[in-house]
Amino acid sequence: MKLLTVVGARPQFIKAAVVSRAIKESNHSSSPEIEEFIVHTGQHYDHNMSAVFFDELQIPKPDVNLEIGSLSHGRQTGEMMIRLEELFLQQKPDLILVYGDTNSTLAGSLTAAKLHIPIAHVEAGLRSFNRRMPEEINRIITDQLSELLFCPTREAVENLGREGIPDPRIGSGVFQSGDVMCDAAQYYGNIADDSWLEENQLKGGSYILATIHRAESTDEQATLTGLIEALKAISNSHLPVIWPVHPRTRKKIAELGLDEKIKEAPALKIVEPLSYLQMVCAEKNSRLILTDSGGVQKEAYFHGVLCVTMRTETEWVELVESGWNLIAGLDEKTIVKSVETMLSKDIGGLVRENFYGDGRAGEKIVAEIKAWSKNRGR
């Protein structure tokens, strides 16, 4: 069978690495053989956000890079759909595989649905219940259109059930596969060394790691200013803050004239975007992680590091309930207080439960795709 994979952003490269490796291993031992054709939309085009990931994670190089780049949500999604439609008609895949909740995910699923090509969605069923988030719209629509839905947690399966998925008329295509990010953390955690730490003259547990990239965090001057003030206060009063700045965020900082504010805090250290293995090193060795990223919240947990989330909600409610994550919102004072709360927490009293599977999600996803293909006679 022919599987066409659509990726475009950093988290998707990591997830695709897991599944692509599982496809390669499975093709040696079971049929039908899966021929994977990888399409990179170009949503992330910076070298450290894109090309280096394919090198480090040993993902097969994309067969096609659409090189669409950064545009408004509507234009970016539209351009992707135009190019993907041509490609889908040319390649005639049996199944389209999409990951997560980006514009690349939405464009891939909408285009496939219009052409009546079945869709498989990895990381299905996640909900923040905040429809102001573009990602929430993307994931809801993709789930409604998908035939195979691979859920990382039981909560995700239940979310789909409340929305009437699966449709009882067509049978169940919903699977609790576990989280491919758990697979990645186990596999690449053993590969990542401490060279990044040494290069930056840092010691384990001596710093806080911060990431900021979401539109609701960066688009409004007051919000982004407040987040920077929070990072400044934390770095001045507690531990140095290492902040790998997303290209989109760096552009906003420049546009809004906020560079001078950052210079006022010498312990707030801005660095270039990290490769995945560098990020694993930075996460594993941090004292605490501050983020607005969904994926980084989980990565903190996988590496046994406490997390403060600078959002008003999270898709990973189990991490909050178990005490590993604290939702701080976007208010400067609340973020600072939340950091103080987590820094004072006894991590030895927390249990790391098996929320996200056993590290074999990629293997399970490929097995289900092959079973689906056999039933379809592909």
Protein backbone atom coordinates (compact mmCIF):
# COMPACT_ATOMS: atom_id res chain seq x y z
CA MET A 1 0.00 0.00 0.00
CA LYS A 2 1.04 3.59 -0.57
CA LEU A 3 1.01 5.91 2.44
CA LEU A 4 1.46 9.65 1.93
CA THR A 5 2.66 11.45 5.06
CA VAL A 6 2.15 15.21 5.44
CA VAL A 7 4.42 17.08 7.87
CA GLY A 8 5.41 20.70 8.23
CA ALA A 9 6.38 21.63 11.79
CA ARG A 10 8.99 20.58 14.34
CA PRO A 11 6.75 18.40 16.54
CA GLN A 12 5.52 16.54 13.47
CA PHE A 13 9.07 15.70 12.38
CA ILE A 14 9.64 14.02 15.75
CA LYS A 15 6.39 12.04 15.55
CA ALA A 16 7.05 11.08 11.94
CA ALA A 17 10.50 9.81 12.89
CA VAL A 18 8.90 7.29 15.25
CA VAL A 19 6.32 6.03 12.76
CA SER A 20 8.71 6.00 9.78
CA ARG A 21 11.15 3.88 11.77
CA ALA A 22 8.33 1.52 12.74
CA ILE A 23 7.27 1.24 9.08
CA LYS A 24 10.80 0.30 8.05
CA GLU A 25 11.05 -2.35 10.78
CA SER A 26 7.60 -3.75 10.04
CA ASN A 27 8.26 -4.05 6.32
CA HIS A 28 11.01 -6.54 7.10
CA SER A 29 8.68 -8.84 9.02
CA SER A 30 5.07 -8.53 7.85
CA SER A 31 2.90 -7.70 4.86
CA PRO A 32 1.54 -5.70 3.20
CA GLU A 33 4.63 -3.60 2.66
CA ILE A 34 4.03 0.12 3.20
CA GLU A 35 5.56 2.49 0.67
CA GLU A 36 5.83 5.84 2.45
CA PHE A 37 5.93 9.10 0.48
CA ILE A 38 6.80 12.09 2.72
CA VAL A 39 5.63 15.62 1.94
CA HIS A 40 7.09 18.58 3.85
CA THR A 41 4.82 21.61 3.46
CA GLY A 42 7.58 24.03 4.45
CA GLN A 43 5.53 25.44 7.35
CA HIS A 44 8.78 25.47 9.38
CA TYR A 45 11.56 26.54 7.03
CA ASP A 46 14.33 27.70 9.39
CA HIS A 47 17.24 25.19 9.33
CA ASN A 48 17.11 24.53 13.09
CA MET A 49 13.35 24.14 12.92
CA SER A 50 13.32 21.86 9.90
CA ALA A 51 16.27 20.39 7.96
CA VAL A 52 18.38 19.55 11.00
CA PHE A 53 15.53 17.46 12.39
CA PHE A 54 15.54 15.16 9.39
CA ASP A 55 19.32 14.74 9.78
CA GLU A 56 19.32 14.14 13.54
CA LEU A 57 16.26 11.94 13.78
CA GLN A 58 17.24 9.81 10.79
CA ILE A 59 13.91 10.46 9.08
CA PRO A 60 13.88 9.67 5.35
CA LYS A 61 14.34 12.96 3.52
CA PRO A 62 11.02 14.38 2.24
CA ASP A 63 10.17 13.29 -1.26
CA VAL A 64 8.74 16.76 -1.83
CA ASN A 65 9.19 20.08 -0.01
CA LEU A 66 6.42 22.55 -0.92
CA GLU A 67 8.42 25.44 0.65
CA ILE A 68 5.28 27.42 1.47
CA GLY A 69 6.72 29.19 4.50
CA SER A 70 5.11 31.67 6.87
CA LEU A 71 1.81 33.27 5.82
CA SER A 72 -1.49 34.15 7.50
CA HIS A 73 -3.52 31.12 8.58
CA GLY A 74 -5.92 31.34 5.64
CA ARG A 75 -3.30 31.96 2.95
CA GLN A 76 -0.94 29.33 4.31
CA THR A 77 -3.64 26.65 4.51
CA GLY A 78 -4.98 27.58 1.08
CA GLU A 79 -1.55 27.46 -0.58
CA MET A 80 -0.91 24.08 1.00
CA MET A 81 -4.22 22.70 -0.24
CA ILE A 82 -3.57 23.86 -3.81
CA ARG A 83 -0.16 22.19 -3.90
CA LEU A 84 -1.27 19.08 -2.01
CA GLU A 85 -4.22 18.50 -4.34
CA GLU A 86 -1.89 18.33 -7.34
CA LEU A 87 0.42 15.99 -5.48
CA PHE A 88 -2.34 13.66 -4.21
CA LEU A 89 -3.77 13.32 -7.72
CA GLN A 90 -0.31 12.56 -9.06
CA GLN A 91 0.74 10.07 -6.36
CA LYS A 92 -2.63 8.32 -5.87
CA PRO A 93 -2.01 7.26 -2.25
CA ASP A 94 -4.18 4.68 -0.48
CA LEU A 95 -4.02 6.60 2.80
CA ILE A 96 -3.01 10.09 3.96
CA LEU A 97 -1.24 10.26 7.35
CA VAL A 98 -1.32 13.53 9.30
CA TYR A 99 0.01 14.44 12.74
CA GLY A 100 -1.12 16.75 15.50
CA ASP A 101 -2.90 20.06 14.95
CA THR A 102 -1.02 22.43 12.65
CA ASN A 103 -2.13 24.12 9.43
CA SER A 104 -0.28 21.34 7.59
CA THR A 105 -2.54 18.83 9.38
CA LEU A 106 -5.67 20.72 8.39
CA ALA A 107 -4.58 21.22 4.78
CA GLY A 108 -3.69 17.55 4.39
CA SER A 109 -6.96 16.30 5.85
CA LEU A 110 -9.22 18.75 3.98
CA THR A 111 -7.52 18.04 0.66
CA ALA A 112 -7.71 14.28 1.18
CA ALA A 113 -11.38 14.44 2.17
CA LYS A 114 -12.28 16.42 -0.96
CA LEU A 115 -10.55 13.76 -3.08
CA HIS A 116 -12.15 10.89 -1.11
CA ILE A 117 -8.80 9.57 0.12
CA PRO A 118 -8.93 7.98 3.61
CA ILE A 119 -7.13 9.82 6.41
CA ALA A 120 -5.23 8.57 9.46
CA HIS A 121 -4.69 11.06 12.29
CA VAL A 122 -1.92 10.51 14.85
CA GLU A 123 -2.61 12.35 18.12
CA ALA A 124 -6.37 12.31 17.63
CA GLY A 125 -8.90 13.27 20.29
CA LEU A 126 -6.96 15.97 22.09
CA ARG A 127 -9.02 18.95 23.21
CA SER A 128 -8.22 22.22 24.98
CA PHE A 129 -11.90 23.28 24.72
CA ASN A 130 -10.70 26.71 23.62
CA ARG A 131 -11.82 27.41 20.06
CA ARG A 132 -9.89 30.66 19.95
CA MET A 133 -6.82 28.48 19.46
CA PRO A 134 -6.20 27.75 15.76
CA GLU A 135 -4.87 24.34 16.79
CA GLU A 136 -8.20 23.40 18.39
CA ILE A 137 -10.08 24.09 15.15
CA ASN A 138 -7.50 22.12 13.16
CA ARG A 139 -7.73 19.04 15.38
CA ILE A 140 -11.55 19.02 15.61
CA ILE A 141 -11.96 19.17 11.83
CA THR A 142 -9.24 16.58 11.20
CA ASP A 143 -10.82 14.14 13.68
CA GLN A 144 -14.22 14.52 12.01
CA LEU A 145 -12.71 13.69 8.62
CA SER A 146 -10.41 10.82 9.63
CA GLU A 147 -11.08 7.11 9.19
CA LEU A 148 -8.24 5.95 11.46
CA LEU A 149 -7.80 7.90 14.71
CA PHE A 150 -4.80 7.12 16.90
CA CYS A 151 -5.32 8.50 20.40
CA PRO A 152 -2.42 8.98 22.82
CA THR A 153 -4.54 8.63 26.00
CA ARG A 154 -7.82 7.25 27.30
CA GLU A 155 -9.04 10.82 27.80
CA ALA A 156 -8.57 11.45 24.07
CA VAL A 157 -10.68 8.38 23.22
CA GLU A 158 -13.42 9.65 25.55
CA ASN A 159 -13.31 13.12 23.96
CA LEU A 160 -14.02 11.55 20.57
CA GLY A 161 -16.86 9.50 22.00
CA ARG A 162 -18.55 12.63 23.33
CA GLU A 163 -18.39 14.06 19.80
CA GLY A 164 -19.98 10.98 18.22
CA ILE A 165 -16.75 9.49 16.92
CA PRO A 166 -16.59 6.73 15.82
CA ASP A 167 -19.71 6.81 13.70
CA PRO A 168 -21.52 3.51 14.51
CA ARG A 169 -22.57 3.22 10.85
CA ILE A 170 -18.99 2.69 9.66
CA GLY A 171 -17.50 0.88 12.65
CA SER A 172 -14.71 1.87 15.00
CA GLY A 173 -11.53 3.36 13.65
CA VAL A 174 -10.50 4.76 17.04
CA PHE A 175 -7.43 3.26 18.74
CA GLN A 176 -5.71 4.06 22.02
CA SER A 177 -2.23 3.63 20.60
CA GLY A 178 -0.22 5.48 23.23
CA ASP A 179 1.84 8.55 22.48
CA VAL A 180 4.53 8.53 19.80
CA MET A 181 6.27 11.31 21.75
CA CYS A 182 6.81 8.80 24.56
CA ASP A 183 8.49 6.50 22.03
CA ALA A 184 10.68 9.40 20.89
CA ALA A 185 11.65 10.43 24.43
CA GLN A 186 12.77 6.88 25.23
CA TYR A 187 14.64 6.33 21.96
CA TYR A 188 16.31 9.70 21.54
CA GLY A 189 16.80 10.28 25.26
CA ASN A 190 19.35 7.48 25.16
CA ILE A 191 21.11 9.07 22.18
CA ALA A 192 21.30 12.70 23.31
CA ASP A 193 24.56 13.62 25.04
CA ASP A 194 25.44 16.62 27.22
CA SER A 195 27.50 18.50 24.63
CA TRP A 196 24.99 21.39 24.42
CA LEU A 197 25.18 21.77 28.20
CA GLU A 198 28.97 21.88 28.10
CA GLU A 199 29.06 24.33 25.20
CA ASN A 200 26.88 26.77 27.14
CA GLN A 201 28.80 26.26 30.41
CA LEU A 202 25.70 25.03 32.23
CA LYS A 203 25.25 22.43 34.92
CA GLY A 204 22.27 20.16 35.44
CA GLY A 205 19.54 21.77 37.56
CA SER A 206 21.12 25.23 37.37
CA TYR A 207 18.61 26.91 35.03
CA ILE A 208 14.98 27.20 33.94
CA LEU A 209 14.16 26.41 30.30
CA ALA A 210 11.49 28.56 28.57
CA THR A 211 9.69 28.27 25.23
CA ILE A 212 7.08 30.65 23.79
CA HIS A 213 5.56 30.39 20.32
CA ARG A 214 1.74 30.33 20.25
CA ALA A 215 -0.22 33.10 18.57
CA GLU A 216 -2.11 33.95 21.76
CA SER A 217 1.25 34.39 23.53
CA THR A 218 2.98 36.51 20.92
CA ASP A 219 0.52 38.44 18.75
CA GLU A 220 -0.59 41.03 21.33
CA GLN A 221 2.04 43.47 22.56
CA ALA A 222 0.65 43.56 26.12
CA THR A 223 0.67 39.77 26.41
CA LEU A 224 4.18 39.25 25.02
CA THR A 225 5.49 42.14 27.12
CA GLY A 226 3.98 40.57 30.23
CA LEU A 227 5.57 37.20 29.47
CA ILE A 228 8.97 38.82 28.98
CA GLU A 229 8.57 40.71 32.25
CA ALA A 230 7.75 37.42 33.97
CA LEU A 231 10.88 35.76 32.54
CA LYS A 232 12.94 38.76 33.63
CA ALA A 233 11.58 38.61 37.18
CA ILE A 234 12.16 34.86 37.42
CA SER A 235 15.72 35.11 36.10
CA ASN A 236 16.55 37.99 38.44
CA SER A 237 15.07 36.41 41.58
CA HIS A 238 15.44 32.66 41.14
CA LEU A 239 17.47 30.90 38.44
CA PRO A 240 18.84 31.93 35.05
CA VAL A 241 16.29 31.43 32.25
CA ILE A 242 17.46 29.89 28.97
CA TRP A 243 15.07 30.85 26.17
CA PRO A 244 15.51 29.29 22.70
CA VAL A 245 13.51 31.79 20.69
CA HIS A 246 11.19 30.53 17.97
CA PRO A 247 11.70 32.48 14.69
CA ARG A 248 8.09 33.65 14.80
CA THR A 249 8.54 34.96 18.35
CA ARG A 250 11.82 36.64 17.52
CA LYS A 251 10.12 38.46 14.64
CA LYS A 252 7.38 39.70 16.98
CA ILE A 253 9.91 40.86 19.56
CA ALA A 254 11.63 42.95 16.89
CA GLU A 255 8.35 44.29 15.49
CA LEU A 256 7.14 45.36 18.93
CA GLY A 257 10.49 46.86 19.98
CA LEU A 258 10.91 44.57 22.98
CA ASP A 259 14.62 43.77 22.55
CA GLU A 260 15.65 46.45 25.05
CA LYS A 261 13.43 44.94 27.75
CA ILE A 262 15.20 41.61 27.37
CA LYS A 263 18.62 43.27 27.64
CA GLU A 264 17.60 44.62 31.06
CA ALA A 265 17.86 41.07 32.48
CA PRO A 266 21.36 39.59 32.02
CA ALA A 267 20.21 36.26 33.52
CA LEU A 268 17.58 35.91 30.78
CA LYS A 269 19.62 34.30 28.03
CA ILE A 270 18.19 34.15 24.52
CA VAL A 271 19.60 31.40 22.30
CA GLU A 272 18.91 30.21 18.78
CA PRO A 273 16.30 27.45 18.23
CA LEU A 274 17.68 24.12 19.37
CA SER A 275 17.90 20.94 17.36
CA TYR A 276 15.85 18.09 18.79
CA LEU A 277 18.76 16.34 20.49
CA GLN A 278 19.94 19.68 21.93
CA MET A 279 16.41 20.28 23.21
CA VAL A 280 16.33 16.85 24.83
CA CYS A 281 19.60 17.70 26.60
CA ALA A 282 18.26 21.12 27.68
CA GLU A 283 15.01 19.62 28.99
CA LYS A 284 16.58 16.70 30.85
CA ASN A 285 19.01 18.96 32.69
CA SER A 286 16.71 21.88 33.54
CA ARG A 287 15.42 22.58 37.05
CA LEU A 288 12.01 23.60 35.69
CA ILE A 289 10.39 24.14 32.28
CA LEU A 290 8.22 27.15 31.40
CA THR A 291 6.27 26.73 28.17
CA ASP A 292 3.16 27.41 26.10
CA SER A 293 3.83 24.30 24.00
CA GLY A 294 1.70 21.19 24.24
CA GLY A 295 4.54 18.87 23.28
CA VAL A 296 7.07 20.36 25.69
CA GLN A 297 4.68 19.81 28.60
CA LYS A 298 4.83 16.09 27.91
CA GLU A 299 8.56 16.08 27.23
CA ALA A 300 9.11 17.62 30.66
CA TYR A 301 7.15 14.74 32.20
CA PHE A 302 8.99 12.10 30.18
CA HIS A 303 12.29 13.48 31.51
CA GLY A 304 11.05 13.84 35.11
CA VAL A 305 11.09 17.66 35.15
CA LEU A 306 8.36 19.89 36.61
CA CYS A 307 6.54 22.25 34.25
CA VAL A 308 4.67 25.56 34.41
CA THR A 309 2.36 26.12 31.43
CA MET A 310 1.82 29.70 30.30
CA ARG A 311 -1.68 29.09 28.94
CA THR A 312 -5.17 29.10 30.40
CA GLU A 313 -5.75 25.41 29.60
CA THR A 314 -3.98 22.24 28.54
CA GLU A 315 -4.79 19.15 26.50
CA TRP A 316 -2.74 17.11 28.99
CA VAL A 317 -4.99 17.37 32.04
CA GLU A 318 -3.50 14.25 33.62
CA LEU A 319 -0.19 16.06 34.12
CA VAL A 320 -1.91 18.82 36.09
CA GLU A 321 -3.93 16.36 38.16
CA SER A 322 -0.80 14.37 39.02
CA GLY A 323 1.10 17.48 40.15
CA TRP A 324 3.78 17.55 37.42
CA ASN A 325 2.33 20.55 35.59
CA LEU A 326 0.80 23.81 36.81
CA ILE A 327 -1.38 26.05 34.63
CA ALA A 328 -0.36 29.68 35.15
CA GLY A 329 -2.25 31.51 32.40
CA LEU A 330 -0.72 34.58 30.79
CA ASP A 331 -0.64 36.94 33.79
CA GLU A 332 2.87 38.02 34.74
CA LYS A 333 2.43 37.83 38.52
CA THR A 334 0.64 34.49 38.39
CA ILE A 335 3.45 33.00 36.27
CA VAL A 336 6.09 34.18 38.75
CA LYS A 337 4.10 32.80 41.68
CA SER A 338 3.55 29.49 39.87
CA VAL A 339 7.28 29.15 39.28
CA GLU A 340 7.94 29.76 42.96
CA THR A 341 5.36 27.10 43.87
CA MET A 342 6.92 24.49 41.59
CA LEU A 343 10.50 25.29 42.64
CA SER A 344 9.50 24.62 46.26
CA LYS A 345 7.81 21.30 45.43
CA ASP A 346 9.35 18.02 46.59
CA ILE A 347 9.66 16.09 43.34
CA GLY A 348 10.44 12.93 45.28
CA GLY A 349 6.85 12.78 46.45
CA LEU A 350 5.43 12.65 42.92
CA VAL A 351 4.62 9.48 41.00
CA ARG A 352 5.25 9.18 37.25
CA GLU A 353 2.35 7.12 35.98
CA ASN A 354 2.10 5.35 32.64
CA PHE A 355 -0.27 7.86 31.03
CA TYR A 356 1.15 7.67 27.52
CA GLY A 357 1.75 4.04 26.80
CA ASP A 358 4.75 1.75 26.84
CA GLY A 359 6.95 3.32 24.18
CA ARG A 360 5.52 1.14 21.39
CA ALA A 361 2.95 3.54 19.94
CA GLY A 362 4.65 3.70 16.54
CA GLU A 363 4.65 -0.07 16.27
CA LYS A 364 0.95 -0.25 17.18
CA ILE A 365 0.00 2.46 14.68
CA VAL A 366 1.78 0.70 11.83
CA ALA A 367 0.15 -2.63 12.77
CA GLU A 368 -3.32 -1.06 12.65
CA ILE A 369 -2.60 0.62 9.31
CA LYS A 370 -1.53 -2.72 7.86
CA ALA A 371 -4.63 -4.45 9.26
CA TRP A 372 -6.80 -1.72 7.72
CA SER A 373 -5.02 -2.16 4.39
CA LYS A 374 -5.57 -5.94 4.41
CA ASN A 375 -9.27 -5.47 5.13
CA ARG A 376 -9.46 -3.06 2.22
CA GLY A 377 -7.58 -5.44 -0.08
CA ARG A 378 -4.85 -2.88 -0.77
